[in-house]
Amino acid sequence: MMTEVPDVKINVDVKKPRSVDTGISVDVDISINGADFIPFTAMPGDSAGHEIYLKALNGDYGKITLSPGPDYLWSGRKWVTNQITDSVNEPELIKQQRLAEASAAIAPLQDAVDLGMATDAEMAMLQAWKTYRVLLNRVDASKPVWPEVPGVA
């Protein structure tokens, strides 16, 4: 998918569509302009993810991998049970869970900005959550140093 803004080209690559419930959202890995892939939750009512959501449902990024049940988390490669049994996987699972939580916090704040309804406090919180998500994505799961969650000190 190529989006053009005057004198600006943005190349977005999308892979690994997966979902617990495709009626609510589809999670994908997304790369913008060749950067590292990061998790992204596309939802039907989300201004930033609506097109990705529809294309995922259409199969444009491959077959959607459905969760085997509510007690499963995406490990980055496959669905795994929510019970952490292997300490080697624990930091990566925590990272993925925190990335999903950050994306969920960002979505309504981004909607407020996109609709021109955001307060100054909401814009500041959106910036804080996006910064947190970038820092979280950079965490090395083999020796994690977790960034501080916005609004929690």
C-alpha atoms as a PDB file:
ATOM      1  CA  MET A   1       0.000   0.000   0.000  1.00  0.00           C
ATOM      2  CA  MET A   2       1.420   3.402  -0.974  1.00  0.00           C
ATOM      3  CA  THR A   3       0.060   6.639   0.450  1.00  0.00           C
ATOM      4  CA  GLU A   4       1.043   9.929  -1.148  1.00  0.00           C
ATOM      5  CA  VAL A   5       1.132  13.342   0.406  1.00  0.00           C
ATOM      6  CA  PRO A   6       2.650  16.185  -1.623  1.00  0.00           C
ATOM      7  CA  ASP A   7       6.389  15.413  -1.831  1.00  0.00           C
ATOM      8  CA  VAL A   8       6.073  12.644   0.787  1.00  0.00           C
ATOM      9  CA  LYS A   9       5.802   8.938   0.013  1.00  0.00           C
ATOM     10  CA  ILE A  10       4.989   6.467   2.757  1.00  0.00           C
ATOM     11  CA  ASN A  11       5.453   2.759   2.113  1.00  0.00           C
ATOM     12  CA  VAL A  12       3.564   0.489   4.495  1.00  0.00           C
ATOM     13  CA  ASP A  13       4.237  -3.270   4.609  1.00  0.00           C
ATOM     14  CA  VAL A  14       1.814  -5.501   6.487  1.00  0.00           C
ATOM     15  CA  LYS A  15       2.153  -9.178   7.434  1.00  0.00           C
ATOM     16  CA  LYS A  16       1.009 -11.884   9.878  1.00  0.00           C
ATOM     17  CA  PRO A  17      -2.707 -11.053  10.203  1.00  0.00           C
ATOM     18  CA  ARG A  18      -4.223 -12.618  13.328  1.00  0.00           C
ATOM     19  CA  SER A  19      -7.310 -12.159  15.435  1.00  0.00           C
ATOM     20  CA  VAL A  20      -9.226 -13.327  18.463  1.00  0.00           C
ATOM     21  CA  ASP A  21     -12.456 -11.969  16.899  1.00  0.00           C
ATOM     22  CA  THR A  22     -12.350 -10.507  13.366  1.00  0.00           C
ATOM     23  CA  GLY A  23     -15.560  -8.610  14.064  1.00  0.00           C
ATOM     24  CA  ILE A  24     -13.677  -6.490  16.601  1.00  0.00           C
ATOM     25  CA  SER A  25     -10.115  -6.189  15.305  1.00  0.00           C
ATOM     26  CA  VAL A  26      -7.280  -7.759  13.349  1.00  0.00           C
ATOM     27  CA  ASP A  27      -3.725  -7.597  14.662  1.00  0.00           C
ATOM     28  CA  VAL A  28      -0.902  -7.374  12.136  1.00  0.00           C
ATOM     29  CA  ASP A  29       2.785  -6.622  12.024  1.00  0.00           C
ATOM     30  CA  ILE A  30       3.412  -3.340  10.220  1.00  0.00           C
ATOM     31  CA  SER A  31       6.520  -1.651   8.837  1.00  0.00           C
ATOM     32  CA  ILE A  32       6.602   1.947   7.645  1.00  0.00           C
ATOM     33  CA  ASN A  33       9.246   2.938   5.110  1.00  0.00           C
ATOM     34  CA  GLY A  34      11.315  -0.181   5.788  1.00  0.00           C
ATOM     35  CA  ALA A  35      11.530   0.242   9.575  1.00  0.00           C
ATOM     36  CA  ASP A  36      11.329  -2.773  11.881  1.00  0.00           C
ATOM     37  CA  PHE A  37       7.960  -4.496  11.988  1.00  0.00           C
ATOM     38  CA  ILE A  38       5.830  -3.641  15.028  1.00  0.00           C
ATOM     39  CA  PRO A  39       2.454  -4.981  16.169  1.00  0.00           C
ATOM     40  CA  PHE A  40      -0.578  -2.948  15.118  1.00  0.00           C
ATOM     41  CA  THR A  41      -4.254  -3.436  15.916  1.00  0.00           C
ATOM     42  CA  ALA A  42      -6.543  -2.515  13.013  1.00  0.00           C
ATOM     43  CA  MET A  43     -10.203  -1.915  13.839  1.00  0.00           C
ATOM     44  CA  PRO A  44     -13.194  -1.148  11.623  1.00  0.00           C
ATOM     45  CA  GLY A  45     -13.917   2.238  13.240  1.00  0.00           C
ATOM     46  CA  ASP A  46     -10.275   3.319  13.544  1.00  0.00           C
ATOM     47  CA  SER A  47      -9.293   6.114  11.163  1.00  0.00           C
ATOM     48  CA  ALA A  48      -5.675   4.944  11.069  1.00  0.00           C
ATOM     49  CA  GLY A  49      -6.404   1.222  10.725  1.00  0.00           C
ATOM     50  CA  HIS A  50      -9.695   0.979   8.833  1.00  0.00           C
ATOM     51  CA  GLU A  51      -8.106   0.311   5.421  1.00  0.00           C
ATOM     52  CA  ILE A  52      -5.681  -2.252   6.875  1.00  0.00           C
ATOM     53  CA  TYR A  53      -8.592  -3.934   8.701  1.00  0.00           C
ATOM     54  CA  LEU A  54     -10.626  -4.248   5.474  1.00  0.00           C
ATOM     55  CA  LYS A  55      -7.650  -5.514   3.452  1.00  0.00           C
ATOM     56  CA  ALA A  56      -6.835  -8.071   6.158  1.00  0.00           C
ATOM     57  CA  LEU A  57     -10.424  -9.352   6.100  1.00  0.00           C
ATOM     58  CA  ASN A  58     -10.175  -9.538   2.302  1.00  0.00           C
ATOM     59  CA  GLY A  59      -7.041 -11.714   2.581  1.00  0.00           C
ATOM     60  CA  ASP A  60      -4.692  -9.166   1.031  1.00  0.00           C
ATOM     61  CA  TYR A  61      -2.039  -9.935   3.666  1.00  0.00           C
ATOM     62  CA  GLY A  62      -2.599 -13.688   3.749  1.00  0.00           C
ATOM     63  CA  LYS A  63      -4.946 -15.876   5.731  1.00  0.00           C
ATOM     64  CA  ILE A  64      -5.890 -14.520   9.165  1.00  0.00           C
ATOM     65  CA  THR A  65      -4.611 -16.811  11.918  1.00  0.00           C
ATOM     66  CA  LEU A  66      -7.434 -17.128  14.436  1.00  0.00           C
ATOM     67  CA  SER A  67      -6.800 -17.599  18.138  1.00  0.00           C
ATOM     68  CA  PRO A  68      -7.659 -21.122  19.310  1.00  0.00           C
ATOM     69  CA  GLY A  69      -9.494 -19.613  22.297  1.00  0.00           C
ATOM     70  CA  PRO A  70      -9.679 -16.795  24.817  1.00  0.00           C
ATOM     71  CA  ASP A  71      -6.776 -18.116  26.907  1.00  0.00           C
ATOM     72  CA  TYR A  72      -4.189 -17.593  24.150  1.00  0.00           C
ATOM     73  CA  LEU A  73      -1.734 -14.765  23.408  1.00  0.00           C
ATOM     74  CA  TRP A  74       0.226 -14.044  20.238  1.00  0.00           C
ATOM     75  CA  SER A  75       3.922 -14.724  20.881  1.00  0.00           C
ATOM     76  CA  GLY A  76       5.139 -12.921  17.780  1.00  0.00           C
ATOM     77  CA  ARG A  77       5.152 -16.153  15.778  1.00  0.00           C
ATOM     78  CA  LYS A  78       2.193 -18.216  16.985  1.00  0.00           C
ATOM     79  CA  TRP A  79      -0.662 -18.426  19.488  1.00  0.00           C
ATOM     80  CA  VAL A  80       0.466 -19.697  22.885  1.00  0.00           C
ATOM     81  CA  THR A  81      -1.432 -20.391  26.092  1.00  0.00           C
ATOM     82  CA  ASN A  82      -1.709 -17.413  28.398  1.00  0.00           C
ATOM     83  CA  GLN A  83       0.021 -19.363  31.178  1.00  0.00           C
ATOM     84  CA  ILE A  84       3.696 -18.466  31.129  1.00  0.00           C
ATOM     85  CA  THR A  85       5.594 -21.707  31.556  1.00  0.00           C
ATOM     86  CA  ASP A  86       8.943 -20.935  29.958  1.00  0.00           C
ATOM     87  CA  SER A  87      10.977 -18.095  31.472  1.00  0.00           C
ATOM     88  CA  VAL A  88      12.772 -17.629  28.121  1.00  0.00           C
ATOM     89  CA  ASN A  89       9.450 -16.612  26.516  1.00  0.00           C
ATOM     90  CA  GLU A  90       8.183 -14.570  29.467  1.00  0.00           C
ATOM     91  CA  PRO A  91       9.813 -11.212  28.561  1.00  0.00           C
ATOM     92  CA  GLU A  92       8.670 -11.457  24.929  1.00  0.00           C
ATOM     93  CA  LEU A  93       5.111 -12.282  25.999  1.00  0.00           C
ATOM     94  CA  ILE A  94       5.130  -9.379  28.441  1.00  0.00           C
ATOM     95  CA  LYS A  95       6.434  -7.103  25.696  1.00  0.00           C
ATOM     96  CA  GLN A  96       3.701  -8.206  23.260  1.00  0.00           C
ATOM     97  CA  GLN A  97       1.013  -7.781  25.907  1.00  0.00           C
ATOM     98  CA  ARG A  98       2.261  -4.286  26.782  1.00  0.00           C
ATOM     99  CA  LEU A  99       2.403  -3.321  23.092  1.00  0.00           C
ATOM    100  CA  ALA A 100      -1.215  -4.429  22.697  1.00  0.00           C
ATOM    101  CA  GLU A 101      -2.204  -2.406  25.780  1.00  0.00           C
ATOM    102  CA  ALA A 102      -0.402   0.662  24.402  1.00  0.00           C
ATOM    103  CA  SER A 103      -2.166   0.329  21.042  1.00  0.00           C
ATOM    104  CA  ALA A 104      -5.517   0.063  22.827  1.00  0.00           C
ATOM    105  CA  ALA A 105      -4.754   3.239  24.806  1.00  0.00           C
ATOM    106  CA  ILE A 106      -3.625   5.113  21.681  1.00  0.00           C
ATOM    107  CA  ALA A 107      -6.659   4.329  19.486  1.00  0.00           C
ATOM    108  CA  PRO A 108      -9.309   6.530  21.191  1.00  0.00           C
ATOM    109  CA  LEU A 109      -6.812   9.347  21.742  1.00  0.00           C
ATOM    110  CA  GLN A 110      -5.855   9.263  18.059  1.00  0.00           C
ATOM    111  CA  ASP A 111      -9.551   9.272  17.123  1.00  0.00           C
ATOM    112  CA  ALA A 112     -10.046  12.468  19.168  1.00  0.00           C
ATOM    113  CA  VAL A 113      -7.105  14.105  17.380  1.00  0.00           C
ATOM    114  CA  ASP A 114      -8.266  12.926  13.923  1.00  0.00           C
ATOM    115  CA  LEU A 115     -11.746  14.343  14.560  1.00  0.00           C
ATOM    116  CA  GLY A 116     -10.396  17.640  15.891  1.00  0.00           C
ATOM    117  CA  MET A 117     -11.969  16.946  19.293  1.00  0.00           C
ATOM    118  CA  ALA A 118      -8.835  16.351  21.368  1.00  0.00           C
ATOM    119  CA  THR A 119      -8.128  18.424  24.434  1.00  0.00           C
ATOM    120  CA  ASP A 120      -4.602  19.551  25.247  1.00  0.00           C
ATOM    121  CA  ALA A 121      -4.451  16.833  27.911  1.00  0.00           C
ATOM    122  CA  GLU A 122      -5.513  14.168  25.387  1.00  0.00           C
ATOM    123  CA  MET A 123      -2.905  15.335  22.873  1.00  0.00           C
ATOM    124  CA  ALA A 124      -0.205  15.192  25.553  1.00  0.00           C
ATOM    125  CA  MET A 125      -1.342  11.734  26.630  1.00  0.00           C
ATOM    126  CA  LEU A 126      -1.340  10.548  22.984  1.00  0.00           C
ATOM    127  CA  GLN A 127       2.257  11.753  22.596  1.00  0.00           C
ATOM    128  CA  ALA A 128       3.237  10.000  25.834  1.00  0.00           C
ATOM    129  CA  TRP A 129       1.613   6.694  24.807  1.00  0.00           C
ATOM    130  CA  LYS A 130       3.162   6.779  21.323  1.00  0.00           C
ATOM    131  CA  THR A 131       6.591   7.466  22.830  1.00  0.00           C
ATOM    132  CA  TYR A 132       6.063   4.596  25.280  1.00  0.00           C
ATOM    133  CA  ARG A 133       5.077   2.240  22.431  1.00  0.00           C
ATOM    134  CA  VAL A 134       8.205   3.144  20.423  1.00  0.00           C
ATOM    135  CA  LEU A 135      10.455   2.651  23.472  1.00  0.00           C
ATOM    136  CA  LEU A 136       8.677  -0.594  24.327  1.00  0.00           C
ATOM    137  CA  ASN A 137       9.159  -1.877  20.794  1.00  0.00           C
ATOM    138  CA  ARG A 138      12.908  -1.287  21.181  1.00  0.00           C
ATOM    139  CA  VAL A 139      13.158  -3.360  24.381  1.00  0.00           C
ATOM    140  CA  ASP A 140      15.517  -6.327  23.993  1.00  0.00           C
ATOM    141  CA  ALA A 141      13.525  -9.237  25.420  1.00  0.00           C
ATOM    142  CA  SER A 142      16.725 -11.107  26.275  1.00  0.00           C
ATOM    143  CA  LYS A 143      17.610  -8.391  28.818  1.00  0.00           C
ATOM    144  CA  PRO A 144      14.519  -6.197  29.219  1.00  0.00           C
ATOM    145  CA  VAL A 145      14.573  -2.732  30.703  1.00  0.00           C
ATOM    146  CA  TRP A 146      10.934  -1.632  30.618  1.00  0.00           C
ATOM    147  CA  PRO A 147       9.983   1.992  29.924  1.00  0.00           C
ATOM    148  CA  GLU A 148       7.646   3.723  32.360  1.00  0.00           C
ATOM    149  CA  VAL A 149       3.937   3.424  31.537  1.00  0.00           C
ATOM    150  CA  PRO A 150       2.376   6.844  30.788  1.00  0.00           C
ATOM    151  CA  GLY A 151       0.326   8.264  33.617  1.00  0.00           C
ATOM    152  CA  VAL A 152       1.715   5.754  36.134  1.00  0.00           C
ATOM    153  CA  ALA A 153       4.485   7.133  38.313  1.00  0.00           C
END
